N, C-alpha and C. Protein backbone atom coordinates (compact mmCIF):
# COMPACT_ATOMS: atom_id res chain seq x y z
N MET A 1 -5.00 -11.61 -6.56
CA MET A 1 -5.78 -10.53 -7.15
C MET A 1 -4.91 -9.28 -7.28
N SER A 2 -5.09 -8.55 -8.33
CA SER A 2 -4.34 -7.32 -8.55
C SER A 2 -5.03 -6.18 -7.82
N GLU A 3 -4.44 -5.80 -6.69
CA GLU A 3 -4.98 -4.69 -5.95
C GLU A 3 -3.87 -4.07 -5.10
N VAL A 4 -4.15 -2.88 -4.60
CA VAL A 4 -3.24 -2.22 -3.68
C VAL A 4 -3.83 -2.39 -2.28
N VAL A 5 -3.03 -2.92 -1.39
CA VAL A 5 -3.45 -3.12 0.00
C VAL A 5 -2.49 -2.35 0.89
N MET A 6 -3.07 -1.64 1.86
CA MET A 6 -2.23 -0.88 2.78
C MET A 6 -2.68 -1.13 4.21
N TYR A 7 -1.77 -1.70 4.99
CA TYR A 7 -1.98 -1.81 6.43
C TYR A 7 -1.67 -0.43 7.01
N CYS A 8 -2.58 0.11 7.80
CA CYS A 8 -2.42 1.49 8.24
C CYS A 8 -3.07 1.71 9.60
N THR A 9 -2.81 2.89 10.14
CA THR A 9 -3.52 3.35 11.33
C THR A 9 -4.18 4.67 10.99
N ARG A 10 -5.08 5.07 11.82
CA ARG A 10 -5.92 6.22 11.53
C ARG A 10 -5.18 7.55 11.46
N PHE A 11 -4.25 7.78 12.36
CA PHE A 11 -3.62 9.09 12.45
C PHE A 11 -2.15 9.11 12.02
N CYS A 12 -1.75 8.15 11.24
CA CYS A 12 -0.36 8.05 10.81
C CYS A 12 -0.11 8.99 9.61
N PRO A 13 0.79 9.97 9.76
CA PRO A 13 1.04 10.88 8.64
C PRO A 13 1.66 10.19 7.43
N TYR A 14 2.44 9.13 7.66
CA TYR A 14 3.03 8.40 6.53
C TYR A 14 1.94 7.63 5.78
N CYS A 15 0.95 7.13 6.50
CA CYS A 15 -0.17 6.44 5.85
C CYS A 15 -0.94 7.42 4.97
N VAL A 16 -1.17 8.63 5.49
CA VAL A 16 -1.89 9.66 4.73
C VAL A 16 -1.09 10.03 3.47
N SER A 17 0.21 10.18 3.61
CA SER A 17 1.04 10.52 2.46
C SER A 17 1.03 9.41 1.41
N ALA A 18 1.11 8.18 1.86
CA ALA A 18 1.07 7.04 0.94
C ALA A 18 -0.26 6.99 0.21
N GLU A 19 -1.34 7.19 0.95
CA GLU A 19 -2.67 7.18 0.34
C GLU A 19 -2.79 8.29 -0.71
N ARG A 20 -2.30 9.46 -0.39
CA ARG A 20 -2.36 10.59 -1.35
C ARG A 20 -1.59 10.27 -2.63
N LEU A 21 -0.40 9.72 -2.49
CA LEU A 21 0.41 9.40 -3.67
C LEU A 21 -0.28 8.34 -4.52
N LEU A 22 -0.74 7.28 -3.88
CA LEU A 22 -1.39 6.20 -4.63
C LEU A 22 -2.69 6.65 -5.27
N THR A 23 -3.45 7.46 -4.57
CA THR A 23 -4.72 7.98 -5.12
C THR A 23 -4.45 8.89 -6.30
N ARG A 24 -3.41 9.71 -6.19
CA ARG A 24 -3.03 10.60 -7.29
C ARG A 24 -2.67 9.80 -8.53
N LYS A 25 -2.13 8.60 -8.33
CA LYS A 25 -1.77 7.72 -9.44
C LYS A 25 -2.98 6.98 -10.00
N GLY A 26 -4.14 7.11 -9.34
CA GLY A 26 -5.35 6.47 -9.82
C GLY A 26 -5.65 5.13 -9.18
N ALA A 27 -4.88 4.76 -8.17
CA ALA A 27 -5.07 3.45 -7.53
C ALA A 27 -6.18 3.51 -6.48
N GLU A 28 -6.97 2.47 -6.45
CA GLU A 28 -7.91 2.26 -5.36
C GLU A 28 -7.17 1.44 -4.31
N ILE A 29 -7.35 1.81 -3.05
CA ILE A 29 -6.59 1.18 -1.97
C ILE A 29 -7.54 0.45 -1.04
N ARG A 30 -7.23 -0.81 -0.78
CA ARG A 30 -7.95 -1.54 0.26
C ARG A 30 -7.15 -1.35 1.54
N LYS A 31 -7.68 -0.52 2.43
CA LYS A 31 -6.99 -0.22 3.67
C LYS A 31 -7.38 -1.22 4.76
N ILE A 32 -6.38 -1.70 5.45
CA ILE A 32 -6.59 -2.61 6.58
C ILE A 32 -6.12 -1.87 7.83
N PRO A 33 -7.07 -1.38 8.63
CA PRO A 33 -6.71 -0.62 9.83
C PRO A 33 -6.24 -1.54 10.95
N VAL A 34 -4.97 -1.42 11.31
CA VAL A 34 -4.40 -2.30 12.33
C VAL A 34 -4.34 -1.66 13.71
N GLY A 35 -4.58 -0.37 13.80
CA GLY A 35 -4.56 0.31 15.09
C GLY A 35 -5.65 -0.23 16.00
N GLY A 36 -5.28 -0.65 17.19
CA GLY A 36 -6.27 -1.16 18.13
C GLY A 36 -6.70 -2.59 17.87
N ASP A 37 -6.10 -3.26 16.91
CA ASP A 37 -6.45 -4.65 16.61
C ASP A 37 -5.18 -5.50 16.61
N PRO A 38 -4.84 -6.07 17.76
CA PRO A 38 -3.60 -6.84 17.86
C PRO A 38 -3.49 -7.98 16.85
N ALA A 39 -4.61 -8.61 16.53
CA ALA A 39 -4.57 -9.74 15.58
C ALA A 39 -4.18 -9.26 14.18
N LEU A 40 -4.74 -8.13 13.76
CA LEU A 40 -4.38 -7.60 12.44
C LEU A 40 -2.95 -7.08 12.42
N TRP A 41 -2.52 -6.49 13.54
CA TRP A 41 -1.13 -6.02 13.61
C TRP A 41 -0.17 -7.20 13.49
N GLU A 42 -0.50 -8.28 14.18
CA GLU A 42 0.34 -9.48 14.10
C GLU A 42 0.34 -10.05 12.69
N GLU A 43 -0.83 -10.05 12.04
CA GLU A 43 -0.90 -10.51 10.65
C GLU A 43 0.04 -9.69 9.77
N MET A 44 0.02 -8.36 9.95
CA MET A 44 0.89 -7.48 9.18
C MET A 44 2.36 -7.82 9.43
N GLU A 45 2.72 -8.00 10.69
CA GLU A 45 4.10 -8.33 11.03
C GLU A 45 4.53 -9.66 10.42
N GLN A 46 3.64 -10.65 10.45
CA GLN A 46 3.96 -11.96 9.88
C GLN A 46 4.17 -11.86 8.37
N LEU A 47 3.33 -11.08 7.70
CA LEU A 47 3.43 -10.95 6.24
C LEU A 47 4.65 -10.15 5.80
N THR A 48 5.02 -9.15 6.59
CA THR A 48 6.03 -8.20 6.13
C THR A 48 7.36 -8.28 6.86
N GLY A 49 7.35 -8.83 8.07
CA GLY A 49 8.56 -8.82 8.88
C GLY A 49 8.85 -7.44 9.46
N ARG A 50 7.89 -6.55 9.38
CA ARG A 50 8.04 -5.18 9.88
C ARG A 50 6.95 -4.85 10.88
N ASN A 51 7.24 -3.88 11.74
CA ASN A 51 6.24 -3.51 12.76
C ASN A 51 5.92 -2.03 12.73
N THR A 52 5.96 -1.45 11.54
CA THR A 52 5.60 -0.05 11.36
C THR A 52 4.55 0.06 10.27
N VAL A 53 3.80 1.16 10.30
CA VAL A 53 2.81 1.43 9.25
C VAL A 53 3.23 2.68 8.50
N PRO A 54 2.82 2.78 7.26
CA PRO A 54 2.04 1.81 6.51
C PRO A 54 2.92 0.66 6.01
N GLN A 55 2.27 -0.43 5.68
CA GLN A 55 2.88 -1.52 4.94
C GLN A 55 2.02 -1.70 3.70
N ILE A 56 2.64 -1.57 2.55
CA ILE A 56 1.92 -1.48 1.29
C ILE A 56 2.26 -2.66 0.39
N PHE A 57 1.22 -3.23 -0.19
CA PHE A 57 1.36 -4.28 -1.20
C PHE A 57 0.74 -3.78 -2.49
N ILE A 58 1.44 -3.98 -3.59
CA ILE A 58 0.87 -3.74 -4.91
C ILE A 58 0.87 -5.09 -5.59
N GLY A 59 -0.35 -5.64 -5.75
CA GLY A 59 -0.45 -7.02 -6.18
C GLY A 59 0.19 -7.89 -5.11
N ASP A 60 1.04 -8.80 -5.52
CA ASP A 60 1.74 -9.67 -4.58
C ASP A 60 3.06 -9.08 -4.09
N TYR A 61 3.42 -7.91 -4.61
CA TYR A 61 4.71 -7.29 -4.29
C TYR A 61 4.60 -6.45 -3.02
N HIS A 62 5.43 -6.77 -2.03
CA HIS A 62 5.48 -5.97 -0.80
C HIS A 62 6.39 -4.78 -1.04
N VAL A 63 5.79 -3.61 -1.14
CA VAL A 63 6.54 -2.38 -1.36
C VAL A 63 7.32 -2.00 -0.12
N GLY A 64 6.66 -2.10 1.03
CA GLY A 64 7.23 -1.64 2.29
C GLY A 64 6.43 -0.46 2.79
N GLY A 65 7.12 0.52 3.35
CA GLY A 65 6.46 1.68 3.91
C GLY A 65 6.44 2.85 2.94
N TYR A 66 6.09 4.03 3.49
CA TYR A 66 5.99 5.22 2.64
C TYR A 66 7.33 5.58 2.01
N ASP A 67 8.41 5.51 2.77
CA ASP A 67 9.72 5.86 2.20
C ASP A 67 10.05 4.97 1.01
N ASP A 68 9.69 3.70 1.11
CA ASP A 68 9.93 2.76 0.01
C ASP A 68 9.07 3.13 -1.20
N LEU A 69 7.81 3.48 -0.94
CA LEU A 69 6.89 3.89 -2.00
C LEU A 69 7.40 5.16 -2.68
N ALA A 70 7.83 6.14 -1.89
CA ALA A 70 8.35 7.39 -2.44
C ALA A 70 9.61 7.14 -3.27
N ALA A 71 10.45 6.21 -2.85
CA ALA A 71 11.66 5.88 -3.61
C ALA A 71 11.29 5.27 -4.96
N LEU A 72 10.28 4.40 -4.98
CA LEU A 72 9.82 3.83 -6.26
C LEU A 72 9.36 4.95 -7.19
N GLU A 73 8.61 5.90 -6.65
CA GLU A 73 8.11 7.02 -7.45
C GLU A 73 9.28 7.86 -7.96
N ARG A 74 10.21 8.17 -7.10
CA ARG A 74 11.37 9.00 -7.45
C ARG A 74 12.22 8.34 -8.55
N ASP A 75 12.32 7.01 -8.48
CA ASP A 75 13.14 6.27 -9.44
C ASP A 75 12.39 5.91 -10.73
N GLY A 76 11.10 6.26 -10.80
CA GLY A 76 10.32 5.96 -11.99
C GLY A 76 9.82 4.52 -12.05
N ASP A 77 9.86 3.82 -10.91
CA ASP A 77 9.46 2.41 -10.90
C ASP A 77 8.03 2.17 -10.41
N LEU A 78 7.38 3.21 -9.90
CA LEU A 78 6.04 3.01 -9.34
C LEU A 78 4.99 2.80 -10.44
N ASP A 79 5.02 3.61 -11.48
CA ASP A 79 4.01 3.49 -12.54
C ASP A 79 3.99 2.10 -13.18
N PRO A 80 5.15 1.53 -13.55
CA PRO A 80 5.12 0.17 -14.12
C PRO A 80 4.58 -0.87 -13.13
N LEU A 81 4.85 -0.67 -11.85
CA LEU A 81 4.36 -1.60 -10.84
C LEU A 81 2.84 -1.50 -10.68
N LEU A 82 2.32 -0.28 -10.80
CA LEU A 82 0.89 -0.05 -10.66
C LEU A 82 0.09 -0.40 -11.91
N GLU A 83 0.74 -0.44 -13.06
CA GLU A 83 0.03 -0.63 -14.33
C GLU A 83 -0.91 -1.83 -14.35
N PRO A 84 -0.46 -3.03 -13.93
CA PRO A 84 -1.40 -4.17 -13.95
C PRO A 84 -2.59 -3.98 -13.01
N VAL A 85 -2.38 -3.33 -11.89
CA VAL A 85 -3.46 -3.09 -10.94
C VAL A 85 -4.47 -2.11 -11.53
N LEU A 86 -3.97 -1.04 -12.13
CA LEU A 86 -4.86 -0.04 -12.73
C LEU A 86 -5.62 -0.63 -13.91
N ASN A 87 -4.95 -1.46 -14.73
CA ASN A 87 -5.62 -2.11 -15.85
C ASN A 87 -6.72 -3.05 -15.38
N ALA A 88 -6.45 -3.80 -14.31
CA ALA A 88 -7.46 -4.71 -13.77
C ALA A 88 -8.66 -3.93 -13.23
N SER A 89 -8.39 -2.80 -12.62
CA SER A 89 -9.46 -1.96 -12.09
C SER A 89 -10.32 -1.41 -13.22
N ARG A 90 -9.68 -0.98 -14.30
CA ARG A 90 -10.44 -0.47 -15.47
C ARG A 90 -11.28 -1.57 -16.09
N ALA A 91 -10.75 -2.78 -16.15
CA ALA A 91 -11.47 -3.91 -16.74
C ALA A 91 -12.70 -4.28 -15.93
N ARG A 92 -12.60 -4.10 -14.60
CA ARG A 92 -13.76 -4.39 -13.74
C ARG A 92 -14.84 -3.33 -13.90
N GLY A 93 -14.45 -2.18 -14.40
CA GLY A 93 -15.38 -1.12 -14.73
C GLY A 93 -15.70 -0.24 -13.62
């Protein structure tokens, strides 16, 4: 499914920054709160090979964390990556 998924914790400033950037781009984010849930944290680690938050997926593409997301934006690569997700969201109405 074309969606933006973000593994996050409640008080993580990088999670907040990632959410702000993605929301500003018009993306709806399905947030998966891993703080306090060892099973979800392990799921995140298994999927990403990383143990920090946020961990962001756009569609099937693992972006990584906030620094990775910001680099995509800086390089002009974020909008093309988000386009299919935003189009799918518009189609759903």
